[in-house]
C-alpha atoms as a PDB file:
ATOM      1  CA  MET A   1     282.461   8.998  54.112  1.00  0.00           C
ATOM      2  CA  GLY A   2     286.059   9.525  55.276  1.00  0.00           C
ATOM      3  CA  VAL A   3     284.963  11.185  58.420  1.00  0.00           C
ATOM      4  CA  ARG A   4     284.409   9.937  62.131  1.00  0.00           C
ATOM      5  CA  GLN A   5     280.642   9.471  63.018  1.00  0.00           C
ATOM      6  CA  GLY A   6     279.717  12.471  65.299  1.00  0.00           C
ATOM      7  CA  GLU A   7     282.444  15.135  63.893  1.00  0.00           C
ATOM      8  CA  VAL A   8     281.849  18.189  62.569  1.00  0.00           C
ATOM      9  CA  ARG A   9     285.036  19.908  62.696  1.00  0.00           C
ATOM     10  CA  PHE A  10     286.125  21.962  59.448  1.00  0.00           C
ATOM     11  CA  ASP A  11     289.435  20.666  58.840  1.00  0.00           C
ATOM     12  CA  ALA A  12     291.275  18.831  55.857  1.00  0.00           C
ATOM     13  CA  PHE A  13     290.268  20.931  53.337  1.00  0.00           C
ATOM     14  CA  ASP A  14     290.929  20.118  49.275  1.00  0.00           C
ATOM     15  CA  VAL A  15     290.772  22.784  46.966  1.00  0.00           C
ATOM     16  CA  LEU A  16     287.577  24.487  46.020  1.00  0.00           C
ATOM     17  CA  HIS A  17     286.441  25.380  42.709  1.00  0.00           C
ATOM     18  CA  ALA A  18     286.363  29.239  43.449  1.00  0.00           C
ATOM     19  CA  ARG A  19     285.811  31.708  40.591  1.00  0.00           C
ATOM     20  CA  ASP A  20     285.861  34.793  42.398  1.00  0.00           C
ATOM     21  CA  GLY A  21     288.904  34.693  44.676  1.00  0.00           C
ATOM     22  CA  THR A  22     286.820  33.543  48.262  1.00  0.00           C
ATOM     23  CA  GLY A  23     289.741  31.872  49.640  1.00  0.00           C
ATOM     24  CA  ILE A  24     287.500  29.113  51.185  1.00  0.00           C
ATOM     25  CA  HIS A  25     289.213  25.879  50.803  1.00  0.00           C
ATOM     26  CA  VAL A  26     286.875  22.775  50.892  1.00  0.00           C
ATOM     27  CA  ARG A  27     285.857  19.591  49.228  1.00  0.00           C
ATOM     28  CA  HIS A  28     281.960  19.443  48.738  1.00  0.00           C
ATOM     29  CA  GLU A  29     279.652  17.856  46.614  1.00  0.00           C
ATOM     30  CA  LEU A  30     276.137  18.556  45.552  1.00  0.00           C
ATOM     31  CA  ILE A  31     273.213  16.166  45.104  1.00  0.00           C
ATOM     32  CA  ILE A  32     270.107  16.624  43.111  1.00  0.00           C
ATOM     33  CA  CYS A  33     267.222  13.453  42.533  1.00  0.00           C
ATOM     34  CA  THR A  34     265.102  13.649  40.209  1.00  0.00           C
ATOM     35  CA  ARG A  35     262.226  11.718  38.428  1.00  0.00           C
ATOM     36  CA  ASN A  36     259.973  12.715  34.733  1.00  0.00           C
ATOM     37  CA  ARG A  37     261.555  16.622  35.171  1.00  0.00           C
ATOM     38  CA  ALA A  38     264.049  17.017  32.149  1.00  0.00           C
ATOM     39  CA  ASN A  39     263.341  20.601  31.582  1.00  0.00           C
ATOM     40  CA  GLU A  40     263.058  21.397  35.276  1.00  0.00           C
ATOM     41  CA  LEU A  41     266.600  19.491  35.652  1.00  0.00           C
ATOM     42  CA  GLU A  42     268.073  21.387  32.621  1.00  0.00           C
ATOM     43  CA  THR A  43     267.370  24.663  34.647  1.00  0.00           C
ATOM     44  CA  CYS A  44     268.431  23.622  37.575  1.00  0.00           C
ATOM     45  CA  LEU A  45     271.762  22.537  36.040  1.00  0.00           C
ATOM     46  CA  GLU A  46     272.343  25.754  34.525  1.00  0.00           C
ATOM     47  CA  SER A  47     272.144  27.857  37.586  1.00  0.00           C
ATOM     48  CA  LEU A  48     274.789  25.109  39.198  1.00  0.00           C
ATOM     49  CA  ALA A  49     277.023  26.508  35.582  1.00  0.00           C
ATOM     50  CA  SER A  50     276.831  29.681  36.837  1.00  0.00           C
ATOM     51  CA  GLN A  51     277.895  29.376  40.498  1.00  0.00           C
ATOM     52  CA  THR A  52     280.860  31.479  41.405  1.00  0.00           C
ATOM     53  CA  VAL A  53     282.067  28.189  43.408  1.00  0.00           C
ATOM     54  CA  LEU A  54     281.861  24.978  41.705  1.00  0.00           C
ATOM     55  CA  PRO A  55     281.471  21.818  43.670  1.00  0.00           C
ATOM     56  CA  GLN A  56     283.822  19.466  43.024  1.00  0.00           C
ATOM     57  CA  ARG A  57     281.274  17.299  42.105  1.00  0.00           C
ATOM     58  CA  VAL A  58     277.127  16.762  41.073  1.00  0.00           C
ATOM     59  CA  LEU A  59     275.848  13.539  41.213  1.00  0.00           C
ATOM     60  CA  VAL A  60     272.272  12.999  39.526  1.00  0.00           C
ATOM     61  CA  VAL A  61     270.256  10.231  40.757  1.00  0.00           C
ATOM     62  CA  ASP A  62     267.481   9.471  38.295  1.00  0.00           C
ATOM     63  CA  SER A  63     264.580   7.571  38.642  1.00  0.00           C
ATOM     64  CA  SER A  64     262.289   8.874  35.400  1.00  0.00           C
ATOM     65  CA  ASP A  65     260.486   6.340  32.747  1.00  0.00           C
ATOM     66  CA  ALA A  66     262.207   8.013  30.215  1.00  0.00           C
ATOM     67  CA  ASP A  67     266.097   8.762  29.281  1.00  0.00           C
ATOM     68  CA  THR A  68     265.693  12.612  28.750  1.00  0.00           C
ATOM     69  CA  SER A  69     266.678  13.675  32.153  1.00  0.00           C
ATOM     70  CA  GLN A  70     269.686  11.074  31.369  1.00  0.00           C
ATOM     71  CA  LYS A  71     270.972  12.830  27.898  1.00  0.00           C
ATOM     72  CA  VAL A  72     270.360  16.667  29.728  1.00  0.00           C
ATOM     73  CA  THR A  73     272.954  15.614  32.446  1.00  0.00           C
ATOM     74  CA  GLU A  74     275.697  14.328  29.703  1.00  0.00           C
ATOM     75  CA  ARG A  75     274.897  17.303  27.732  1.00  0.00           C
ATOM     76  CA  PHE A  76     275.697  19.603  30.576  1.00  0.00           C
ATOM     77  CA  ALA A  77     278.766  17.445  31.765  1.00  0.00           C
ATOM     78  CA  GLU A  78     279.766  18.171  27.620  1.00  0.00           C
ATOM     79  CA  GLN A  79     279.177  21.984  28.448  1.00  0.00           C
ATOM     80  CA  THR A  80     280.915  22.317  32.201  1.00  0.00           C
ATOM     81  CA  PRO A  81     284.315  20.159  31.313  1.00  0.00           C
ATOM     82  CA  GLY A  82     285.684  21.859  34.789  1.00  0.00           C
ATOM     83  CA  LEU A  83     283.320  19.744  36.379  1.00  0.00           C
ATOM     84  CA  GLU A  84     282.769  16.113  37.452  1.00  0.00           C
ATOM     85  CA  VAL A  85     279.263  14.781  36.603  1.00  0.00           C
ATOM     86  CA  LYS A  86     278.055  11.575  37.911  1.00  0.00           C
ATOM     87  CA  PHE A  87     274.662  10.222  36.715  1.00  0.00           C
ATOM     88  CA  VAL A  88     273.270   7.106  38.057  1.00  0.00           C
ATOM     89  CA  ARG A  89     270.043   5.315  38.156  1.00  0.00           C
ATOM     90  CA  ALA A  90     267.863   4.360  41.227  1.00  0.00           C
ATOM     91  CA  ALA A  91     264.367   2.950  42.203  1.00  0.00           C
ATOM     92  CA  PRO A  92     261.602   5.655  42.043  1.00  0.00           C
ATOM     93  CA  ARG A  93     261.850   6.243  45.432  1.00  0.00           C
ATOM     94  CA  LYS A  94     263.014   9.799  46.663  1.00  0.00           C
ATOM     95  CA  THR A  95     264.619   8.362  49.780  1.00  0.00           C
ATOM     96  CA  ILE A  96     266.110   5.083  48.068  1.00  0.00           C
ATOM     97  CA  GLN A  97     267.855   7.931  45.601  1.00  0.00           C
ATOM     98  CA  LEU A  98     268.962  10.101  48.064  1.00  0.00           C
ATOM     99  CA  ASN A  99     270.629   7.134  49.968  1.00  0.00           C
ATOM    100  CA  VAL A 100     272.091   5.702  47.145  1.00  0.00           C
ATOM    101  CA  ALA A 101     273.855   9.076  46.476  1.00  0.00           C
ATOM    102  CA  LEU A 102     275.227   9.089  50.128  1.00  0.00           C
ATOM    103  CA  ASP A 103     277.029   5.670  49.256  1.00  0.00           C
ATOM    104  CA  LEU A 104     278.717   7.222  46.424  1.00  0.00           C
ATOM    105  CA  LEU A 105     280.059  10.185  47.798  1.00  0.00           C
ATOM    106  CA  ASP A 106     283.984  10.442  47.777  1.00  0.00           C
ATOM    107  CA  PRO A 107     285.597   9.586  51.344  1.00  0.00           C
ATOM    108  CA  SER A 108     287.321  13.315  51.529  1.00  0.00           C
ATOM    109  CA  THR A 109     284.436  15.355  51.002  1.00  0.00           C
ATOM    110  CA  GLU A 110     283.716  17.524  53.701  1.00  0.00           C
ATOM    111  CA  ILE A 111     280.625  19.292  52.446  1.00  0.00           C
ATOM    112  CA  VAL A 112     277.064  17.350  51.140  1.00  0.00           C
ATOM    113  CA  HIS A 113     274.937  19.746  49.640  1.00  0.00           C
ATOM    114  CA  PHE A 114     271.410  18.366  48.501  1.00  0.00           C
ATOM    115  CA  THR A 115     268.687  20.589  46.524  1.00  0.00           C
ATOM    116  CA  ASP A 116     265.836  19.791  44.308  1.00  0.00           C
ATOM    117  CA  ASP A 117     265.329  19.383  40.542  1.00  0.00           C
ATOM    118  CA  ASP A 118     262.882  22.226  40.099  1.00  0.00           C
ATOM    119  CA  VAL A 119     265.625  24.662  42.283  1.00  0.00           C
ATOM    120  CA  ILE A 120     267.123  27.644  40.440  1.00  0.00           C
ATOM    121  CA  LEU A 121     270.519  28.800  42.381  1.00  0.00           C
ATOM    122  CA  ASP A 122     271.456  32.068  43.030  1.00  0.00           C
ATOM    123  CA  PRO A 123     275.218  32.681  41.224  1.00  0.00           C
ATOM    124  CA  HIS A 124     276.598  32.990  44.776  1.00  0.00           C
ATOM    125  CA  TYR A 125     274.652  30.215  46.804  1.00  0.00           C
ATOM    126  CA  LEU A 126     277.204  27.933  47.298  1.00  0.00           C
ATOM    127  CA  ARG A 127     280.174  30.174  47.972  1.00  0.00           C
ATOM    128  CA  ASP A 128     277.489  31.904  50.488  1.00  0.00           C
ATOM    129  CA  MET A 129     277.003  28.451  51.921  1.00  0.00           C
ATOM    130  CA  LEU A 130     280.098  27.378  52.561  1.00  0.00           C
ATOM    131  CA  ALA A 131     280.914  31.017  54.057  1.00  0.00           C
ATOM    132  CA  ALA A 132     278.335  30.360  56.890  1.00  0.00           C
ATOM    133  CA  PHE A 133     280.074  26.704  57.500  1.00  0.00           C
ATOM    134  CA  GLN A 134     283.158  28.316  57.923  1.00  0.00           C
ATOM    135  CA  SER A 135     282.051  31.625  59.972  1.00  0.00           C
ATOM    136  CA  HIS A 136     280.006  28.851  62.487  1.00  0.00           C
ATOM    137  CA  PRO A 137     282.376  25.749  63.037  1.00  0.00           C
ATOM    138  CA  GLU A 138     280.057  24.389  65.452  1.00  0.00           C
ATOM    139  CA  TYR A 139     277.004  23.956  63.035  1.00  0.00           C
ATOM    140  CA  GLY A 140     276.685  20.677  61.484  1.00  0.00           C
ATOM    141  CA  GLY A 141     274.083  21.994  58.495  1.00  0.00           C
ATOM    142  CA  VAL A 142     272.799  24.656  56.645  1.00  0.00           C
ATOM    143  CA  GLY A 143     269.752  25.921  54.970  1.00  0.00           C
ATOM    144  CA  GLY A 144     269.536  29.003  52.764  1.00  0.00           C
ATOM    145  CA  ARG A 145     266.631  30.920  51.665  1.00  0.00           C
ATOM    146  CA  VAL A 146     263.829  30.256  49.520  1.00  0.00           C
ATOM    147  CA  ALA A 147     263.034  33.450  47.495  1.00  0.00           C
ATOM    148  CA  ASN A 148     259.675  32.627  46.933  1.00  0.00           C
ATOM    149  CA  PRO A 149     258.391  30.480  49.902  1.00  0.00           C
ATOM    150  CA  PRO A 150     254.379  29.542  50.008  1.00  0.00           C
ATOM    151  CA  LYS A 151     252.174  32.502  50.865  1.00  0.00           C
ATOM    152  CA  GLN A 152     250.782  32.621  54.088  1.00  0.00           C
ATOM    153  CA  ARG A 153     247.466  32.585  54.466  1.00  0.00           C
ATOM    154  CA  ALA A 154     246.440  32.449  58.282  1.00  0.00           C
ATOM    155  CA  LYS A 155     245.539  35.922  59.756  1.00  0.00           C
ATOM    156  CA  GLY A 156     244.558  37.202  63.056  1.00  0.00           C
ATOM    157  CA  LEU A 157     242.689  35.004  65.348  1.00  0.00           C
ATOM    158  CA  VAL A 158     242.890  32.389  62.171  1.00  0.00           C
ATOM    159  CA  LYS A 159     246.451  32.642  62.904  1.00  0.00           C
ATOM    160  CA  LEU A 160     245.976  32.765  66.947  1.00  0.00           C
ATOM    161  CA  TYR A 161     243.822  29.548  66.774  1.00  0.00           C
ATOM    162  CA  ARG A 162     247.033  27.429  64.745  1.00  0.00           C
ATOM    163  CA  ARG A 163     249.444  28.261  67.319  1.00  0.00           C
ATOM    164  CA  ALA A 164     247.155  27.355  69.823  1.00  0.00           C
ATOM    165  CA  PHE A 165     246.875  23.718  68.240  1.00  0.00           C
ATOM    166  CA  LEU A 166     250.627  22.945  67.392  1.00  0.00           C
ATOM    167  CA  LEU A 167     249.769  24.151  63.765  1.00  0.00           C
ATOM    168  CA  ASP A 168     251.957  26.940  63.473  1.00  0.00           C
ATOM    169  CA  SER A 169     254.396  28.976  65.591  1.00  0.00           C
ATOM    170  CA  LYS A 170     256.129  32.987  65.682  1.00  0.00           C
ATOM    171  CA  ARG A 171     259.219  30.563  65.816  1.00  0.00           C
ATOM    172  CA  GLN A 172     260.402  30.440  62.133  1.00  0.00           C
ATOM    173  CA  GLY A 173     262.445  26.781  61.642  1.00  0.00           C
ATOM    174  CA  ALA A 174     260.731  25.177  64.510  1.00  0.00           C
ATOM    175  CA  LEU A 175     259.622  21.609  64.433  1.00  0.00           C
ATOM    176  CA  LEU A 176     256.941  21.739  66.594  1.00  0.00           C
ATOM    177  CA  ARG A 177     255.789  18.818  69.043  1.00  0.00           C
ATOM    178  CA  SER A 178     252.620  17.921  66.255  1.00  0.00           C
ATOM    179  CA  GLY A 179     255.222  17.139  64.087  1.00  0.00           C
ATOM    180  CA  MET A 180     254.551  20.779  62.289  1.00  0.00           C
ATOM    181  CA  ASN A 181     257.638  22.169  60.616  1.00  0.00           C
ATOM    182  CA  VAL A 182     257.435  26.583  60.327  1.00  0.00           C
ATOM    183  CA  LEU A 183     259.494  27.778  57.674  1.00  0.00           C
ATOM    184  CA  CYS A 184     261.999  30.477  58.086  1.00  0.00           C
ATOM    185  CA  ARG A 185     260.759  33.229  55.655  1.00  0.00           C
ATOM    186  CA  THR A 186     262.242  36.690  56.830  1.00  0.00           C
ATOM    187  CA  GLY A 187     265.119  38.212  58.704  1.00  0.00           C
ATOM    188  CA  HIS A 188     268.974  39.612  58.039  1.00  0.00           C
ATOM    189  CA  GLN A 189     270.651  37.113  60.229  1.00  0.00           C
ATOM    190  CA  PRO A 190     271.436  33.797  60.545  1.00  0.00           C
ATOM    191  CA  ARG A 191     269.259  31.980  63.212  1.00  0.00           C
ATOM    192  CA  ARG A 192     269.331  28.274  64.388  1.00  0.00           C
ATOM    193  CA  VAL A 193     266.366  26.137  62.894  1.00  0.00           C
ATOM    194  CA  ASP A 194     265.190  22.714  64.212  1.00  0.00           C
ATOM    195  CA  TRP A 195     264.759  21.633  60.092  1.00  0.00           C
ATOM    196  CA  LEU A 196     266.264  22.133  56.747  1.00  0.00           C
ATOM    197  CA  SER A 197     264.182  22.308  53.816  1.00  0.00           C
ATOM    198  CA  GLY A 198     265.407  19.590  51.273  1.00  0.00           C
ATOM    199  CA  CYS A 199     265.094  22.253  48.372  1.00  0.00           C
ATOM    200  CA  SER A 200     267.974  24.062  50.615  1.00  0.00           C
ATOM    201  CA  MET A 201     269.984  21.668  53.211  1.00  0.00           C
ATOM    202  CA  SER A 202     273.581  21.511  53.464  1.00  0.00           C
ATOM    203  CA  TYR A 203     275.634  19.384  55.477  1.00  0.00           C
ATOM    204  CA  ARG A 204     279.180  18.479  57.044  1.00  0.00           C
ATOM    205  CA  ALA A 205     279.675  15.065  56.435  1.00  0.00           C
ATOM    206  CA  GLY A 206     281.130  14.001  59.854  1.00  0.00           C
ATOM    207  CA  ALA A 207     277.548  15.521  61.037  1.00  0.00           C
ATOM    208  CA  ILE A 208     275.464  12.590  58.615  1.00  0.00           C
ATOM    209  CA  ALA A 209     278.396   9.701  58.932  1.00  0.00           C
ATOM    210  CA  GLY A 210     275.947   6.629  59.222  1.00  0.00           C
ATOM    211  CA  LEU A 211     272.633   8.623  58.900  1.00  0.00           C
ATOM    212  CA  ARG A 212     270.240   7.537  56.124  1.00  0.00           C
ATOM    213  CA  PHE A 213     267.006   8.708  54.735  1.00  0.00           C
ATOM    214  CA  ASP A 214     263.979   6.889  55.672  1.00  0.00           C
ATOM    215  CA  GLU A 215     262.891   4.510  52.679  1.00  0.00           C
ATOM    216  CA  THR A 216     259.728   4.073  54.167  1.00  0.00           C
ATOM    217  CA  ARG A 217     258.659   6.883  53.237  1.00  0.00           C
ATOM    218  CA  ALA A 218     257.235   6.303  49.348  1.00  0.00           C
ATOM    219  CA  GLY A 219     257.183   8.298  46.346  1.00  0.00           C
ATOM    220  CA  ASN A 220     258.344  11.896  46.786  1.00  0.00           C
ATOM    221  CA  GLY A 221     259.353  11.301  50.383  1.00  0.00           C
ATOM    222  CA  MET A 222     257.237  13.192  52.081  1.00  0.00           C
ATOM    223  CA  GLY A 223     258.941  14.462  55.437  1.00  0.00           C
ATOM    224  CA  GLU A 224     262.107  12.824  54.477  1.00  0.00           C
ATOM    225  CA  ASP A 225     264.269  16.331  54.874  1.00  0.00           C
ATOM    226  CA  VAL A 226     262.481  17.036  58.131  1.00  0.00           C
ATOM    227  CA  ASP A 227     262.882  13.568  59.753  1.00  0.00           C
ATOM    228  CA  PHE A 228     266.452  13.388  58.195  1.00  0.00           C
ATOM    229  CA  SER A 229     267.469  16.852  58.960  1.00  0.00           C
ATOM    230  CA  ALA A 230     265.831  16.739  62.602  1.00  0.00           C
ATOM    231  CA  ARG A 231     268.335  13.844  63.386  1.00  0.00           C
ATOM    232  CA  VAL A 232     271.016  15.313  62.287  1.00  0.00           C
ATOM    233  CA  ALA A 233     270.413  18.089  64.569  1.00  0.00           C
ATOM    234  CA  GLU A 234     270.644  15.689  67.699  1.00  0.00           C
ATOM    235  CA  ARG A 235     274.198  15.583  66.522  1.00  0.00           C
ATOM    236  CA  ALA A 236     275.167  19.014  66.009  1.00  0.00           C
ATOM    237  CA  PRO A 237     272.774  22.526  65.444  1.00  0.00           C
ATOM    238  CA  LEU A 238     271.800  23.341  62.312  1.00  0.00           C
ATOM    239  CA  MET A 239     271.567  27.120  60.920  1.00  0.00           C
ATOM    240  CA  TRP A 240     269.203  29.112  58.202  1.00  0.00           C
ATOM    241  CA  THR A 241     271.164  31.646  56.363  1.00  0.00           C
ATOM    242  CA  PRO A 242     269.179  34.422  54.342  1.00  0.00           C
ATOM    243  CA  GLN A 243     272.381  35.065  52.703  1.00  0.00           C
ATOM    244  CA  ALA A 244     272.110  32.200  50.504  1.00  0.00           C
ATOM    245  CA  VAL A 245     269.159  32.071  48.140  1.00  0.00           C
ATOM    246  CA  ILE A 246     266.579  30.031  45.732  1.00  0.00           C
ATOM    247  CA  ASP A 247     264.118  30.047  44.061  1.00  0.00           C
ATOM    248  CA  HIS A 248     261.892  27.013  44.245  1.00  0.00           C
ATOM    249  CA  ARG A 249     259.764  26.975  41.229  1.00  0.00           C
ATOM    250  CA  GLU A 250     257.349  24.054  42.381  1.00  0.00           C
ATOM    251  CA  SER A 251     256.635  21.993  39.243  1.00  0.00           C
ATOM    252  CA  PRO A 252     253.291  19.992  38.743  1.00  0.00           C
ATOM    253  CA  VAL A 253     254.920  17.011  37.900  1.00  0.00           C
ATOM    254  CA  ASN A 254     255.094  14.383  40.615  1.00  0.00           C
ATOM    255  CA  ARG A 255     253.567  16.522  42.583  1.00  0.00           C
ATOM    256  CA  GLU A 256     250.033  14.957  44.771  1.00  0.00           C
ATOM    257  CA  ASP A 257     246.740  17.002  44.911  1.00  0.00           C
ATOM    258  CA  ASP A 258     246.224  18.786  48.077  1.00  0.00           C
ATOM    259  CA  LEU A 259     243.734  15.855  49.590  1.00  0.00           C
ATOM    260  CA  VAL A 260     246.639  12.993  48.993  1.00  0.00           C
ATOM    261  CA  ALA A 261     249.509  15.677  50.216  1.00  0.00           C
ATOM    262  CA  ARG A 262     247.197  15.981  53.707  1.00  0.00           C
ATOM    263  CA  ARG A 263     246.863  12.295  54.796  1.00  0.00           C
ATOM    264  CA  ARG A 264     250.278  11.679  53.946  1.00  0.00           C
ATOM    265  CA  ALA A 265     251.752  14.190  55.908  1.00  0.00           C
ATOM    266  CA  ILE A 266     249.584  13.197  58.708  1.00  0.00           C
ATOM    267  CA  ARG A 267     251.185   9.874  58.562  1.00  0.00           C
ATOM    268  CA  SER A 268     254.806  11.357  58.691  1.00  0.00           C
ATOM    269  CA  TRP A 269     254.074  13.595  61.839  1.00  0.00           C
ATOM    270  CA  TRP A 270     252.815   9.889  63.150  1.00  0.00           C
ATOM    271  CA  ARG A 271     256.151   8.377  62.200  1.00  0.00           C
ATOM    272  CA  LEU A 272     258.467  11.088  63.718  1.00  0.00           C
ATOM    273  CA  ALA A 273     256.217  10.545  66.950  1.00  0.00           C
ATOM    274  CA  VAL A 274     256.960   7.072  66.421  1.00  0.00           C
ATOM    275  CA  LEU A 275     260.866   7.495  66.400  1.00  0.00           C
ATOM    276  CA  ASN A 276     260.644  10.085  68.652  1.00  0.00           C
ATOM    277  CA  ILE A 277     262.448  12.719  66.729  1.00  0.00           C
ATOM    278  CA  GLY A 278     263.091  15.864  68.429  1.00  0.00           C
ATOM    279  CA  SER A 279     260.239  16.430  70.794  1.00  0.00           C
ATOM    280  CA  VAL A 280     257.483  15.130  68.306  1.00  0.00           C
ATOM    281  CA  ASN A 281     254.863  13.093  70.555  1.00  0.00           C
ATOM    282  CA  ARG A 282     251.641  10.955  69.257  1.00  0.00           C
ATOM    283  CA  PHE A 283     249.299  13.321  71.780  1.00  0.00           C
ATOM    284  CA  ALA A 284     250.694  16.255  69.830  1.00  0.00           C
ATOM    285  CA  VAL A 285     249.634  14.761  66.913  1.00  0.00           C
ATOM    286  CA  LEU A 286     246.422  13.996  67.493  1.00  0.00           C
ATOM    287  CA  TYR A 287     245.799  17.301  69.098  1.00  0.00           C
ATOM    288  CA  ALA A 288     246.883  19.030  66.117  1.00  0.00           C
ATOM    289  CA  VAL A 289     244.840  17.220  63.682  1.00  0.00           C
ATOM    290  CA  ALA A 290     242.042  17.315  65.977  1.00  0.00           C
ATOM    291  CA  GLY A 291     242.511  21.110  65.927  1.00  0.00           C
ATOM    292  CA  ASP A 292     242.787  21.587  62.041  1.00  0.00           C
ATOM    293  CA  THR A 293     239.830  19.504  61.687  1.00  0.00           C
ATOM    294  CA  LEU A 294     237.760  21.234  63.554  1.00  0.00           C
ATOM    295  CA  MET A 295     238.375  24.378  61.991  1.00  0.00           C
ATOM    296  CA  LEU A 296     238.357  23.266  58.456  1.00  0.00           C
ATOM    297  CA  LEU A 297     234.928  21.653  59.455  1.00  0.00           C
ATOM    298  CA  ILE A 298     233.956  25.347  60.718  1.00  0.00           C
ATOM    299  CA  MET A 299     234.989  26.846  57.412  1.00  0.00           C
ATOM    300  CA  ALA A 300     232.967  24.438  55.724  1.00  0.00           C
ATOM    301  CA  GLY A 301     229.919  25.466  57.485  1.00  0.00           C
ATOM    302  CA  VAL A 302     230.637  29.116  57.350  1.00  0.00           C
ATOM    303  CA  PHE A 303     231.463  29.421  53.525  1.00  0.00           C
ATOM    304  CA  ARG A 304     229.583  26.521  52.199  1.00  0.00           C
ATOM    305  CA  SER A 305     232.865  24.893  50.996  1.00  0.00           C
ATOM    306  CA  ARG A 306     233.191  21.575  49.616  1.00  0.00           C
ATOM    307  CA  ARG A 307     236.765  22.047  49.590  1.00  0.00           C
ATOM    308  CA  TYR A 308     236.992  22.706  53.192  1.00  0.00           C
ATOM    309  CA  MET A 309     234.687  19.095  54.179  1.00  0.00           C
ATOM    310  CA  ARG A 310     236.790  17.642  51.978  1.00  0.00           C
ATOM    311  CA  GLN A 311     240.487  18.559  53.472  1.00  0.00           C
ATOM    312  CA  ALA A 312     238.111  17.466  56.930  1.00  0.00           C
ATOM    313  CA  ILE A 313     237.637  14.501  55.367  1.00  0.00           C
ATOM    314  CA  ALA A 314     241.102  13.579  54.733  1.00  0.00           C
ATOM    315  CA  ASN A 315     242.484  14.264  58.037  1.00  0.00           C
ATOM    316  CA  GLY A 316     239.707  11.602  59.202  1.00  0.00           C
ATOM    317  CA  ALA A 317     240.954   9.226  56.586  1.00  0.00           C
ATOM    318  CA  GLY A 318     244.941  10.185  57.938  1.00  0.00           C
ATOM    319  CA  LEU A 319     244.114   9.289  61.417  1.00  0.00           C
ATOM    320  CA  VAL A 320     242.112   6.031  59.877  1.00  0.00           C
ATOM    321  CA  ASP A 321     245.739   5.547  57.984  1.00  0.00           C
ATOM    322  CA  ILE A 322     247.536   6.084  61.341  1.00  0.00           C
ATOM    323  CA  VAL A 323     245.734   3.107  63.305  1.00  0.00           C
ATOM    324  CA  ARG A 324     246.112   0.594  59.934  1.00  0.00           C
ATOM    325  CA  GLY A 325     249.665   1.671  59.984  1.00  0.00           C
ATOM    326  CA  THR A 326     249.557   2.894  56.444  1.00  0.00           C
ATOM    327  CA  PRO A 327     253.346   3.707  55.648  1.00  0.00           C
ATOM    328  CA  VAL A 328     254.064   7.712  55.250  1.00  0.00           C
END
């Protein structure tokens, strides 16, 4: 990329593909990594075509078993002649796909957007992300609002218990010492955050110059967005803006079951601690896992629930994985 490492200024803009006279001028690219989700990818690209502000280029990095996603991308390119579309194939590991995309960025690109293939972008999404960068030149990264976030189940004493064991926080957008990352759900004003979600994260090219996604994280990456964005936050502050909106329709394709995901999440937290990401530390990770496991065992007994017991066992398996040095 053509910006010096650590530089987060907002200058040397190229002409923007604006459709509504916004007057914003910047060269920006959008990255979408996909695997075996041709239908979801098609819907995502359709929402991209409806943007009031188009990027100069969209990079689709595919690791699918068939060529269906490639055909979807080629058809989209034919139907959207004003937008440069580049399709490339990569190994079936999301972190590798993301790094391939970083290597393909144009040297003059100033803003890099990332989104997931099962996301639908609000028509003004890219416009509002760019406006956030323009209004806050000191920020190196911006994340948008997920219109349909996962439901919060913990209430009352359970919520207080989770906060005590570093499993939750009142501060939205926090990366806790345990490695647990707290979603931004509500608010009408932008706020500074510790991390950005991979389905909606954009960065100044200078803020991510020289950074790579952690390729030890296998499969769908599990926590790669938290790891990457928290490292960016060490260079320049990150911001969440409620104005830029997406609908994340989480696809069941390539999604792990709850128990596998739970084990991998624990390994991901530990990886953050080993790498000294943010304030994450090993004692806090173990403390949080112990608290979560204790709560699950109590709930398994009270409700006679095999599901809670299996989750507690998965936590234990995650700790064994840590001892064995199993990669994320």
